[in-house]
Amino acid sequence: MLKSEYMRYGRRAGLPGGNASRLAGLATAVAIAMSCSLVPAKMAHAFDPQKVFKEDKPSFKEVFKFYFTRKKAGDDEEALDVLRYAADRGNQTARFKLGRMYEAGEGVPQDKREAFDLYKSIADNYGEARPNTPEWAITGSAMVALGRYYQTGIPEAGIPQDEQEARVMFTTSAMYFRDPDAQFLLGKMLLEDNPTFDEGRQAIRMLELARRKGHVGALALVGHALVQGEFVDRDTVRGLAMLTRASESAPPDLKPWIDSMHQRDFALASDEERRLAILKVQKRQ
């Protein structure tokens, strides 16, 4: 079923079906990956819901209300137990929040394996997410986090690097959930993988989708493509202007990469092209 959904969402994103054969095969890989469901083990917590709630299974609205009450009171330990309780009951928001906490070591010891398992438990249930709900966005973000882990691997947790699995995650998140980070990462992966002309065009379309949502990395890559004339008609002035804007607004994790690309492309441009690009940026301010 995912294969047909993948192709349908691919057409809506502007990917020509006849040219997407290399990407289409990823849909089958997604289906295989999702069939291996991994649900994190239940977490031990001292929090006793029977002493707090009247119902045996309180609504998640009530659970999160109590969670924020404990956070506001400065009781981080009990708040963490409440979050774990919600995650054990299958709440995707709680699982994603815990995943972020374990990934960063925020309020808990850093544990990338625990974060990985939490993200995967969300991704494995992607079919339950519905558009225009928090779970929809969370599922796309969880797939991006999984893809990043697959890109690097987690040696200490026995999870090897797997570029193909990373691409599966980015493809599904980008085309099914419309996640801008996934669209950027998928476009970047395609451009770095010695693409055919059609694959390069598909990459640019993915990057354009992310750029229109304000993704700075995508803005930089589209600008670079315009300067180089790669898979798009060359427009050096516009490309340099886009790279300049990306450099000025780049977050810390992307800034060194964007600045390096920006400096290289500016060095190759003529004095007149640089002057016009700077003028173009100034007119937008």
C-alpha atoms as a PDB file:
ATOM      1  CA  MET A   1       0.000   0.000   0.000  1.00  0.00           C
ATOM      2  CA  LEU A   2       2.822   2.381   0.843  1.00  0.00           C
ATOM      3  CA  LYS A   3       4.205   2.061  -2.679  1.00  0.00           C
ATOM      4  CA  SER A   4       1.029   3.440  -4.209  1.00  0.00           C
ATOM      5  CA  GLU A   5       0.842   6.140  -1.528  1.00  0.00           C
ATOM      6  CA  TYR A   6       4.477   6.987  -2.193  1.00  0.00           C
ATOM      7  CA  MET A   7       3.894   7.385  -5.924  1.00  0.00           C
ATOM      8  CA  ARG A   8       0.715   9.393  -5.351  1.00  0.00           C
ATOM      9  CA  TYR A   9       2.480  11.751  -2.986  1.00  0.00           C
ATOM     10  CA  GLY A  10       5.454  11.863  -5.358  1.00  0.00           C
ATOM     11  CA  ARG A  11       3.238  13.098  -8.198  1.00  0.00           C
ATOM     12  CA  ARG A  12       1.724  15.774  -5.942  1.00  0.00           C
ATOM     13  CA  ALA A  13       5.264  16.921  -5.095  1.00  0.00           C
ATOM     14  CA  GLY A  14       5.964  17.290  -8.814  1.00  0.00           C
ATOM     15  CA  LEU A  15       8.000  14.145  -9.329  1.00  0.00           C
ATOM     16  CA  PRO A  16       7.299  12.592 -12.743  1.00  0.00           C
ATOM     17  CA  GLY A  17       6.315   8.979 -12.218  1.00  0.00           C
ATOM     18  CA  GLY A  18       8.168   7.735 -15.263  1.00  0.00           C
ATOM     19  CA  ASN A  19      11.458   9.156 -13.976  1.00  0.00           C
ATOM     20  CA  ALA A  20      11.168   8.049 -10.373  1.00  0.00           C
ATOM     21  CA  SER A  21      12.124   4.385 -10.799  1.00  0.00           C
ATOM     22  CA  ARG A  22      15.206   4.648  -8.617  1.00  0.00           C
ATOM     23  CA  LEU A  23      13.249   6.356  -5.844  1.00  0.00           C
ATOM     24  CA  ALA A  24      10.175   4.172  -6.281  1.00  0.00           C
ATOM     25  CA  GLY A  25      12.126   1.121  -5.168  1.00  0.00           C
ATOM     26  CA  LEU A  26      12.518   2.771  -1.814  1.00  0.00           C
ATOM     27  CA  ALA A  27       8.806   2.324  -1.186  1.00  0.00           C
ATOM     28  CA  THR A  28       9.274  -1.430  -1.071  1.00  0.00           C
ATOM     29  CA  ALA A  29      12.157  -0.973   1.341  1.00  0.00           C
ATOM     30  CA  VAL A  30       9.963   1.221   3.510  1.00  0.00           C
ATOM     31  CA  ALA A  31       7.323  -1.481   3.672  1.00  0.00           C
ATOM     32  CA  ILE A  32       9.933  -4.053   4.694  1.00  0.00           C
ATOM     33  CA  ALA A  33      11.441  -1.743   7.289  1.00  0.00           C
ATOM     34  CA  MET A  34       8.070  -0.920   8.784  1.00  0.00           C
ATOM     35  CA  SER A  35       7.134  -4.594   9.043  1.00  0.00           C
ATOM     36  CA  CYS A  36       9.899  -5.039  11.636  1.00  0.00           C
ATOM     37  CA  SER A  37       8.085  -3.181  14.410  1.00  0.00           C
ATOM     38  CA  LEU A  38      10.221  -2.191  17.352  1.00  0.00           C
ATOM     39  CA  VAL A  39       8.380  -0.983  20.437  1.00  0.00           C
ATOM     40  CA  PRO A  40      10.542   0.268  23.308  1.00  0.00           C
ATOM     41  CA  ALA A  41      10.325  -1.681  26.534  1.00  0.00           C
ATOM     42  CA  LYS A  42       8.021  -0.229  29.138  1.00  0.00           C
ATOM     43  CA  MET A  43       9.854   2.265  31.301  1.00  0.00           C
ATOM     44  CA  ALA A  44       9.850   1.935  35.060  1.00  0.00           C
ATOM     45  CA  HIS A  45       8.292   4.926  36.790  1.00  0.00           C
ATOM     46  CA  ALA A  46       7.312   5.685  40.369  1.00  0.00           C
ATOM     47  CA  PHE A  47       4.379   7.823  39.285  1.00  0.00           C
ATOM     48  CA  ASP A  48       1.103   6.137  40.279  1.00  0.00           C
ATOM     49  CA  PRO A  49      -1.757   7.293  38.029  1.00  0.00           C
ATOM     50  CA  GLN A  50      -4.364   5.676  40.323  1.00  0.00           C
ATOM     51  CA  LYS A  51      -3.444   8.172  43.038  1.00  0.00           C
ATOM     52  CA  VAL A  52      -3.773  11.130  40.688  1.00  0.00           C
ATOM     53  CA  PHE A  53      -6.606  10.380  38.273  1.00  0.00           C
ATOM     54  CA  LYS A  54     -10.138   9.194  38.923  1.00  0.00           C
ATOM     55  CA  GLU A  55     -10.296   7.114  35.737  1.00  0.00           C
ATOM     56  CA  ASP A  56      -8.316   3.938  35.155  1.00  0.00           C
ATOM     57  CA  LYS A  57      -7.248   5.303  31.780  1.00  0.00           C
ATOM     58  CA  PRO A  58      -7.315   9.094  31.930  1.00  0.00           C
ATOM     59  CA  SER A  59      -7.358  11.053  28.700  1.00  0.00           C
ATOM     60  CA  PHE A  60      -4.016  12.202  27.369  1.00  0.00           C
ATOM     61  CA  LYS A  61      -5.287  15.758  27.779  1.00  0.00           C
ATOM     62  CA  GLU A  62      -5.537  15.154  31.525  1.00  0.00           C
ATOM     63  CA  VAL A  63      -2.176  13.394  31.605  1.00  0.00           C
ATOM     64  CA  PHE A  64      -0.380  16.276  29.891  1.00  0.00           C
ATOM     65  CA  LYS A  65      -2.188  18.803  32.053  1.00  0.00           C
ATOM     66  CA  PHE A  66      -0.732  17.051  35.103  1.00  0.00           C
ATOM     67  CA  TYR A  67       2.667  16.842  33.375  1.00  0.00           C
ATOM     68  CA  PHE A  68       2.791  20.616  32.857  1.00  0.00           C
ATOM     69  CA  THR A  69       1.601  21.157  36.435  1.00  0.00           C
ATOM     70  CA  ARG A  70       4.546  19.150  37.757  1.00  0.00           C
ATOM     71  CA  LYS A  71       6.970  20.930  35.402  1.00  0.00           C
ATOM     72  CA  LYS A  72       5.715  24.313  36.551  1.00  0.00           C
ATOM     73  CA  ALA A  73       6.139  23.219  40.166  1.00  0.00           C
ATOM     74  CA  GLY A  74       9.747  22.283  39.440  1.00  0.00           C
ATOM     75  CA  ASP A  75       9.180  18.573  40.049  1.00  0.00           C
ATOM     76  CA  ASP A  76      11.092  17.379  36.993  1.00  0.00           C
ATOM     77  CA  GLU A  77      11.409  13.824  38.293  1.00  0.00           C
ATOM     78  CA  GLU A  78       7.675  13.239  38.574  1.00  0.00           C
ATOM     79  CA  ALA A  79       7.064  15.124  35.322  1.00  0.00           C
ATOM     80  CA  LEU A  80       9.446  12.690  33.624  1.00  0.00           C
ATOM     81  CA  ASP A  81       7.524   9.754  35.116  1.00  0.00           C
ATOM     82  CA  VAL A  82       4.262  11.209  33.790  1.00  0.00           C
ATOM     83  CA  LEU A  83       5.810  11.526  30.332  1.00  0.00           C
ATOM     84  CA  ARG A  84       6.990   7.922  30.482  1.00  0.00           C
ATOM     85  CA  TYR A  85       3.518   6.809  31.548  1.00  0.00           C
ATOM     86  CA  ALA A  86       2.002   8.534  28.499  1.00  0.00           C
ATOM     87  CA  ALA A  87       4.670   6.994  26.239  1.00  0.00           C
ATOM     88  CA  ASP A  88       3.960   3.514  27.635  1.00  0.00           C
ATOM     89  CA  ARG A  89       0.318   4.026  26.707  1.00  0.00           C
ATOM     90  CA  GLY A  90       1.366   4.734  23.123  1.00  0.00           C
ATOM     91  CA  ASN A  91       1.150   8.504  22.999  1.00  0.00           C
ATOM     92  CA  GLN A  92       3.360   9.635  20.112  1.00  0.00           C
ATOM     93  CA  THR A  93       3.889  13.148  21.464  1.00  0.00           C
ATOM     94  CA  ALA A  94       5.280  11.738  24.706  1.00  0.00           C
ATOM     95  CA  ARG A  95       7.485   9.267  22.828  1.00  0.00           C
ATOM     96  CA  PHE A  96       8.865  12.000  20.598  1.00  0.00           C
ATOM     97  CA  LYS A  97       9.530  14.323  23.544  1.00  0.00           C
ATOM     98  CA  LEU A  98      11.343  11.532  25.383  1.00  0.00           C
ATOM     99  CA  GLY A  99      13.292  10.696  22.226  1.00  0.00           C
ATOM    100  CA  ARG A 100      14.517  14.285  22.001  1.00  0.00           C
ATOM    101  CA  MET A 101      15.435  14.241  25.693  1.00  0.00           C
ATOM    102  CA  TYR A 102      17.451  11.020  25.413  1.00  0.00           C
ATOM    103  CA  GLU A 103      19.074  12.186  22.178  1.00  0.00           C
ATOM    104  CA  ALA A 104      20.305  15.424  23.771  1.00  0.00           C
ATOM    105  CA  GLY A 105      20.749  14.181  27.342  1.00  0.00           C
ATOM    106  CA  GLU A 106      18.225  16.779  28.477  1.00  0.00           C
ATOM    107  CA  GLY A 107      16.948  15.914  31.968  1.00  0.00           C
ATOM    108  CA  VAL A 108      18.031  12.287  31.467  1.00  0.00           C
ATOM    109  CA  PRO A 109      21.362  10.578  30.782  1.00  0.00           C
ATOM    110  CA  GLN A 110      22.096  10.692  27.055  1.00  0.00           C
ATOM    111  CA  ASP A 111      21.079   7.383  25.500  1.00  0.00           C
ATOM    112  CA  LYS A 112      21.053   7.311  21.708  1.00  0.00           C
ATOM    113  CA  ARG A 113      19.763   3.743  21.615  1.00  0.00           C
ATOM    114  CA  GLU A 114      16.764   4.685  23.734  1.00  0.00           C
ATOM    115  CA  ALA A 115      16.143   7.691  21.480  1.00  0.00           C
ATOM    116  CA  PHE A 116      16.447   5.485  18.399  1.00  0.00           C
ATOM    117  CA  ASP A 117      13.931   2.966  19.771  1.00  0.00           C
ATOM    118  CA  LEU A 118      11.445   5.694  20.656  1.00  0.00           C
ATOM    119  CA  TYR A 119      11.686   7.287  17.218  1.00  0.00           C
ATOM    120  CA  LYS A 120      11.327   3.899  15.546  1.00  0.00           C
ATOM    121  CA  SER A 121       8.223   3.054  17.587  1.00  0.00           C
ATOM    122  CA  ILE A 122       6.646   6.214  16.132  1.00  0.00           C
ATOM    123  CA  ALA A 123       7.782   5.490  12.580  1.00  0.00           C
ATOM    124  CA  ASP A 124       6.544   1.901  12.741  1.00  0.00           C
ATOM    125  CA  ASN A 125       3.031   3.230  13.332  1.00  0.00           C
ATOM    126  CA  TYR A 126       3.153   5.858  10.589  1.00  0.00           C
ATOM    127  CA  GLY A 127      -0.111   4.572   9.102  1.00  0.00           C
ATOM    128  CA  GLU A 128      -2.044   5.694  12.175  1.00  0.00           C
ATOM    129  CA  ALA A 129      -1.052   9.347  11.744  1.00  0.00           C
ATOM    130  CA  ARG A 130      -3.659  11.628  10.213  1.00  0.00           C
ATOM    131  CA  PRO A 131      -3.053  14.881   8.325  1.00  0.00           C
ATOM    132  CA  ASN A 132      -3.401  18.154  10.208  1.00  0.00           C
ATOM    133  CA  THR A 133      -2.755  16.521  13.591  1.00  0.00           C
ATOM    134  CA  PRO A 134       0.264  16.775  15.906  1.00  0.00           C
ATOM    135  CA  GLU A 135       0.955  13.076  15.266  1.00  0.00           C
ATOM    136  CA  TRP A 136       1.343  13.777  11.537  1.00  0.00           C
ATOM    137  CA  ALA A 137       4.151  16.278  12.026  1.00  0.00           C
ATOM    138  CA  ILE A 138       5.715  14.224  14.824  1.00  0.00           C
ATOM    139  CA  THR A 139       5.855  11.099  12.667  1.00  0.00           C
ATOM    140  CA  GLY A 140       7.627  12.964   9.873  1.00  0.00           C
ATOM    141  CA  SER A 141      10.121  14.418  12.348  1.00  0.00           C
ATOM    142  CA  ALA A 142      10.724  11.017  13.953  1.00  0.00           C
ATOM    143  CA  MET A 143      11.580   9.589  10.532  1.00  0.00           C
ATOM    144  CA  VAL A 144      14.055  12.409   9.971  1.00  0.00           C
ATOM    145  CA  ALA A 145      15.696  11.666  13.335  1.00  0.00           C
ATOM    146  CA  LEU A 146      15.870   7.967  12.440  1.00  0.00           C
ATOM    147  CA  GLY A 147      17.367   8.778   9.052  1.00  0.00           C
ATOM    148  CA  ARG A 148      20.081  10.883  10.670  1.00  0.00           C
ATOM    149  CA  TYR A 149      20.935   8.012  13.002  1.00  0.00           C
ATOM    150  CA  TYR A 150      21.123   5.606  10.059  1.00  0.00           C
ATOM    151  CA  GLN A 151      23.405   8.041   8.215  1.00  0.00           C
ATOM    152  CA  THR A 152      26.001   7.960  10.989  1.00  0.00           C
ATOM    153  CA  GLY A 153      25.174   4.706  12.744  1.00  0.00           C
ATOM    154  CA  ILE A 154      25.278   4.259  16.521  1.00  0.00           C
ATOM    155  CA  PRO A 155      28.321   2.007  17.033  1.00  0.00           C
ATOM    156  CA  GLU A 156      27.991   1.926  20.818  1.00  0.00           C
ATOM    157  CA  ALA A 157      24.429   0.612  20.437  1.00  0.00           C
ATOM    158  CA  GLY A 158      25.215  -1.895  17.696  1.00  0.00           C
ATOM    159  CA  ILE A 159      23.367   0.062  14.993  1.00  0.00           C
ATOM    160  CA  PRO A 160      25.492   0.179  11.812  1.00  0.00           C
ATOM    161  CA  GLN A 161      25.598   2.990   9.291  1.00  0.00           C
ATOM    162  CA  ASP A 162      22.994   2.364   6.599  1.00  0.00           C
ATOM    163  CA  GLU A 163      22.677   4.984   3.858  1.00  0.00           C
ATOM    164  CA  GLN A 164      19.903   3.066   2.097  1.00  0.00           C
ATOM    165  CA  GLU A 165      17.770   2.938   5.241  1.00  0.00           C
ATOM    166  CA  ALA A 166      18.454   6.633   5.827  1.00  0.00           C
ATOM    167  CA  ARG A 167      17.169   7.399   2.342  1.00  0.00           C
ATOM    168  CA  VAL A 168      14.059   5.312   2.981  1.00  0.00           C
ATOM    169  CA  MET A 169      13.281   7.397   6.062  1.00  0.00           C
ATOM    170  CA  PHE A 170      13.957  10.721   4.333  1.00  0.00           C
ATOM    171  CA  THR A 171      11.948   9.716   1.256  1.00  0.00           C
ATOM    172  CA  THR A 172       8.885   8.676   3.241  1.00  0.00           C
ATOM    173  CA  SER A 173       9.004  11.734   5.486  1.00  0.00           C
ATOM    174  CA  ALA A 174       9.591  14.090   2.546  1.00  0.00           C
ATOM    175  CA  MET A 175       6.962  12.755   0.174  1.00  0.00           C
ATOM    176  CA  TYR A 176       4.323  11.391   2.531  1.00  0.00           C
ATOM    177  CA  PHE A 177       4.571  13.766   5.494  1.00  0.00           C
ATOM    178  CA  ARG A 178       5.918  16.794   3.587  1.00  0.00           C
ATOM    179  CA  ASP A 179       8.584  17.391   6.235  1.00  0.00           C
ATOM    180  CA  PRO A 180      10.912  20.236   5.077  1.00  0.00           C
ATOM    181  CA  ASP A 181      13.972  18.813   6.862  1.00  0.00           C
ATOM    182  CA  ALA A 182      13.389  15.504   5.085  1.00  0.00           C
ATOM    183  CA  GLN A 183      12.896  17.251   1.744  1.00  0.00           C
ATOM    184  CA  PHE A 184      16.207  19.057   2.228  1.00  0.00           C
ATOM    185  CA  LEU A 185      18.084  15.930   3.333  1.00  0.00           C
ATOM    186  CA  LEU A 186      16.631  13.816   0.506  1.00  0.00           C
ATOM    187  CA  GLY A 187      17.488  16.460  -2.096  1.00  0.00           C
ATOM    188  CA  LYS A 188      21.004  16.778  -0.674  1.00  0.00           C
ATOM    189  CA  MET A 189      21.513  12.998  -0.700  1.00  0.00           C
ATOM    190  CA  LEU A 190      20.373  12.734  -4.308  1.00  0.00           C
ATOM    191  CA  LEU A 191      22.723  15.508  -5.441  1.00  0.00           C
ATOM    192  CA  GLU A 192      25.658  13.897  -3.641  1.00  0.00           C
ATOM    193  CA  ASP A 193      25.021  10.457  -5.172  1.00  0.00           C
ATOM    194  CA  ASN A 194      26.190  11.100  -8.747  1.00  0.00           C
ATOM    195  CA  PRO A 195      22.605  11.595  -9.971  1.00  0.00           C
ATOM    196  CA  THR A 196      21.259  11.216 -13.462  1.00  0.00           C
ATOM    197  CA  PHE A 197      19.716  14.326 -14.979  1.00  0.00           C
ATOM    198  CA  ASP A 198      16.211  13.204 -13.983  1.00  0.00           C
ATOM    199  CA  GLU A 199      17.309  12.413 -10.432  1.00  0.00           C
ATOM    200  CA  GLY A 200      19.026  15.797 -10.232  1.00  0.00           C
ATOM    201  CA  ARG A 201      15.813  17.506 -11.313  1.00  0.00           C
ATOM    202  CA  GLN A 202      13.899  15.543  -8.689  1.00  0.00           C
ATOM    203  CA  ALA A 203      16.420  16.660  -6.078  1.00  0.00           C
ATOM    204  CA  ILE A 204      15.950  20.314  -7.042  1.00  0.00           C
ATOM    205  CA  ARG A 205      12.170  19.921  -6.777  1.00  0.00           C
ATOM    206  CA  MET A 206      12.543  18.495  -3.274  1.00  0.00           C
ATOM    207  CA  LEU A 207      14.831  21.370  -2.313  1.00  0.00           C
ATOM    208  CA  GLU A 208      12.399  23.900  -3.780  1.00  0.00           C
ATOM    209  CA  LEU A 209       9.603  22.492  -1.618  1.00  0.00           C
ATOM    210  CA  ALA A 210      11.776  22.870   1.474  1.00  0.00           C
ATOM    211  CA  ARG A 211      12.999  26.328   0.436  1.00  0.00           C
ATOM    212  CA  ARG A 212       9.456  27.622   0.110  1.00  0.00           C
ATOM    213  CA  LYS A 213       8.879  26.535   3.701  1.00  0.00           C
ATOM    214  CA  GLY A 214      11.848  28.602   4.838  1.00  0.00           C
ATOM    215  CA  HIS A 215      14.541  25.924   5.044  1.00  0.00           C
ATOM    216  CA  VAL A 216      17.893  27.740   4.955  1.00  0.00           C
ATOM    217  CA  GLY A 217      19.900  24.712   3.841  1.00  0.00           C
ATOM    218  CA  ALA A 218      17.592  24.201   0.880  1.00  0.00           C
ATOM    219  CA  LEU A 219      17.890  27.909   0.021  1.00  0.00           C
ATOM    220  CA  ALA A 220      21.670  27.514  -0.077  1.00  0.00           C
ATOM    221  CA  LEU A 221      21.615  24.394  -2.274  1.00  0.00           C
ATOM    222  CA  VAL A 222      19.160  25.874  -4.757  1.00  0.00           C
ATOM    223  CA  GLY A 223      21.331  28.998  -4.912  1.00  0.00           C
ATOM    224  CA  HIS A 224      24.426  26.879  -5.532  1.00  0.00           C
ATOM    225  CA  ALA A 225      22.623  24.968  -8.289  1.00  0.00           C
ATOM    226  CA  LEU A 226      21.695  28.259  -9.977  1.00  0.00           C
ATOM    227  CA  VAL A 227      25.303  29.471  -9.839  1.00  0.00           C
ATOM    228  CA  GLN A 228      26.642  26.199 -11.231  1.00  0.00           C
ATOM    229  CA  GLY A 229      23.821  25.636 -13.710  1.00  0.00           C
ATOM    230  CA  GLU A 230      23.300  22.144 -12.276  1.00  0.00           C
ATOM    231  CA  PHE A 231      19.917  20.672 -13.293  1.00  0.00           C
ATOM    232  CA  VAL A 232      18.530  24.231 -13.633  1.00  0.00           C
ATOM    233  CA  ASP A 233      19.177  27.121 -16.002  1.00  0.00           C
ATOM    234  CA  ARG A 234      22.175  29.098 -14.794  1.00  0.00           C
ATOM    235  CA  ASP A 235      21.353  32.367 -13.021  1.00  0.00           C
ATOM    236  CA  THR A 236      24.521  33.372 -11.206  1.00  0.00           C
ATOM    237  CA  VAL A 237      23.248  36.653  -9.749  1.00  0.00           C
ATOM    238  CA  ARG A 238      20.087  35.134  -8.303  1.00  0.00           C
ATOM    239  CA  GLY A 239      22.038  32.140  -7.011  1.00  0.00           C
ATOM    240  CA  LEU A 240      24.643  34.298  -5.275  1.00  0.00           C
ATOM    241  CA  ALA A 241      21.888  36.389  -3.707  1.00  0.00           C
ATOM    242  CA  MET A 242      20.215  33.254  -2.363  1.00  0.00           C
ATOM    243  CA  LEU A 243      23.518  31.974  -0.971  1.00  0.00           C
ATOM    244  CA  THR A 244      24.115  35.331   0.715  1.00  0.00           C
ATOM    245  CA  ARG A 245      20.702  35.274   2.373  1.00  0.00           C
ATOM    246  CA  ALA A 246      21.279  31.684   3.470  1.00  0.00           C
ATOM    247  CA  SER A 247      24.672  32.579   4.947  1.00  0.00           C
ATOM    248  CA  GLU A 248      23.203  35.509   6.860  1.00  0.00           C
ATOM    249  CA  SER A 249      20.418  33.437   8.424  1.00  0.00           C
ATOM    250  CA  ALA A 250      22.112  30.038   8.766  1.00  0.00           C
ATOM    251  CA  PRO A 251      21.752  28.209  12.093  1.00  0.00           C
ATOM    252  CA  PRO A 252      25.000  27.185  13.836  1.00  0.00           C
ATOM    253  CA  ASP A 253      24.880  23.571  12.639  1.00  0.00           C
ATOM    254  CA  LEU A 254      24.619  24.592   8.968  1.00  0.00           C
ATOM    255  CA  LYS A 255      26.611  27.828   8.919  1.00  0.00           C
ATOM    256  CA  PRO A 256      30.143  26.432   8.282  1.00  0.00           C
ATOM    257  CA  TRP A 257      28.874  24.317   5.365  1.00  0.00           C
ATOM    258  CA  ILE A 258      26.817  27.162   3.863  1.00  0.00           C
ATOM    259  CA  ASP A 259      29.595  29.746   4.349  1.00  0.00           C
ATOM    260  CA  SER A 260      32.102  27.492   2.588  1.00  0.00           C
ATOM    261  CA  MET A 261      29.789  27.044  -0.410  1.00  0.00           C
ATOM    262  CA  HIS A 262      28.984  30.766  -0.402  1.00  0.00           C
ATOM    263  CA  GLN A 263      32.658  31.763  -0.436  1.00  0.00           C
ATOM    264  CA  ARG A 264      33.566  29.300  -3.208  1.00  0.00           C
ATOM    265  CA  ASP A 265      30.768  30.441  -5.493  1.00  0.00           C
ATOM    266  CA  PHE A 266      31.470  34.144  -4.865  1.00  0.00           C
ATOM    267  CA  ALA A 267      35.160  33.592  -5.673  1.00  0.00           C
ATOM    268  CA  LEU A 268      34.266  32.115  -9.071  1.00  0.00           C
ATOM    269  CA  ALA A 269      31.842  34.903  -9.989  1.00  0.00           C
ATOM    270  CA  SER A 270      32.767  38.069 -11.875  1.00  0.00           C
ATOM    271  CA  ASP A 271      32.967  41.451 -10.140  1.00  0.00           C
ATOM    272  CA  GLU A 272      29.783  42.544 -11.906  1.00  0.00           C
ATOM    273  CA  GLU A 273      27.895  39.402 -10.851  1.00  0.00           C
ATOM    274  CA  ARG A 274      28.978  39.894  -7.228  1.00  0.00           C
ATOM    275  CA  ARG A 275      27.946  43.550  -7.315  1.00  0.00           C
ATOM    276  CA  LEU A 276      24.505  42.753  -8.734  1.00  0.00           C
ATOM    277  CA  ALA A 277      23.973  39.931  -6.242  1.00  0.00           C
ATOM    278  CA  ILE A 278      24.772  42.184  -3.282  1.00  0.00           C
ATOM    279  CA  LEU A 279      22.463  44.846  -4.678  1.00  0.00           C
ATOM    280  CA  LYS A 280      19.716  42.233  -5.059  1.00  0.00           C
ATOM    281  CA  VAL A 281      20.064  41.219  -1.413  1.00  0.00           C
ATOM    282  CA  GLN A 282      20.032  44.835  -0.229  1.00  0.00           C
ATOM    283  CA  LYS A 283      16.819  45.548  -2.157  1.00  0.00           C
ATOM    284  CA  ARG A 284      15.068  42.734  -0.255  1.00  0.00           C
ATOM    285  CA  GLN A 285      15.995  44.212   3.128  1.00  0.00           C
END
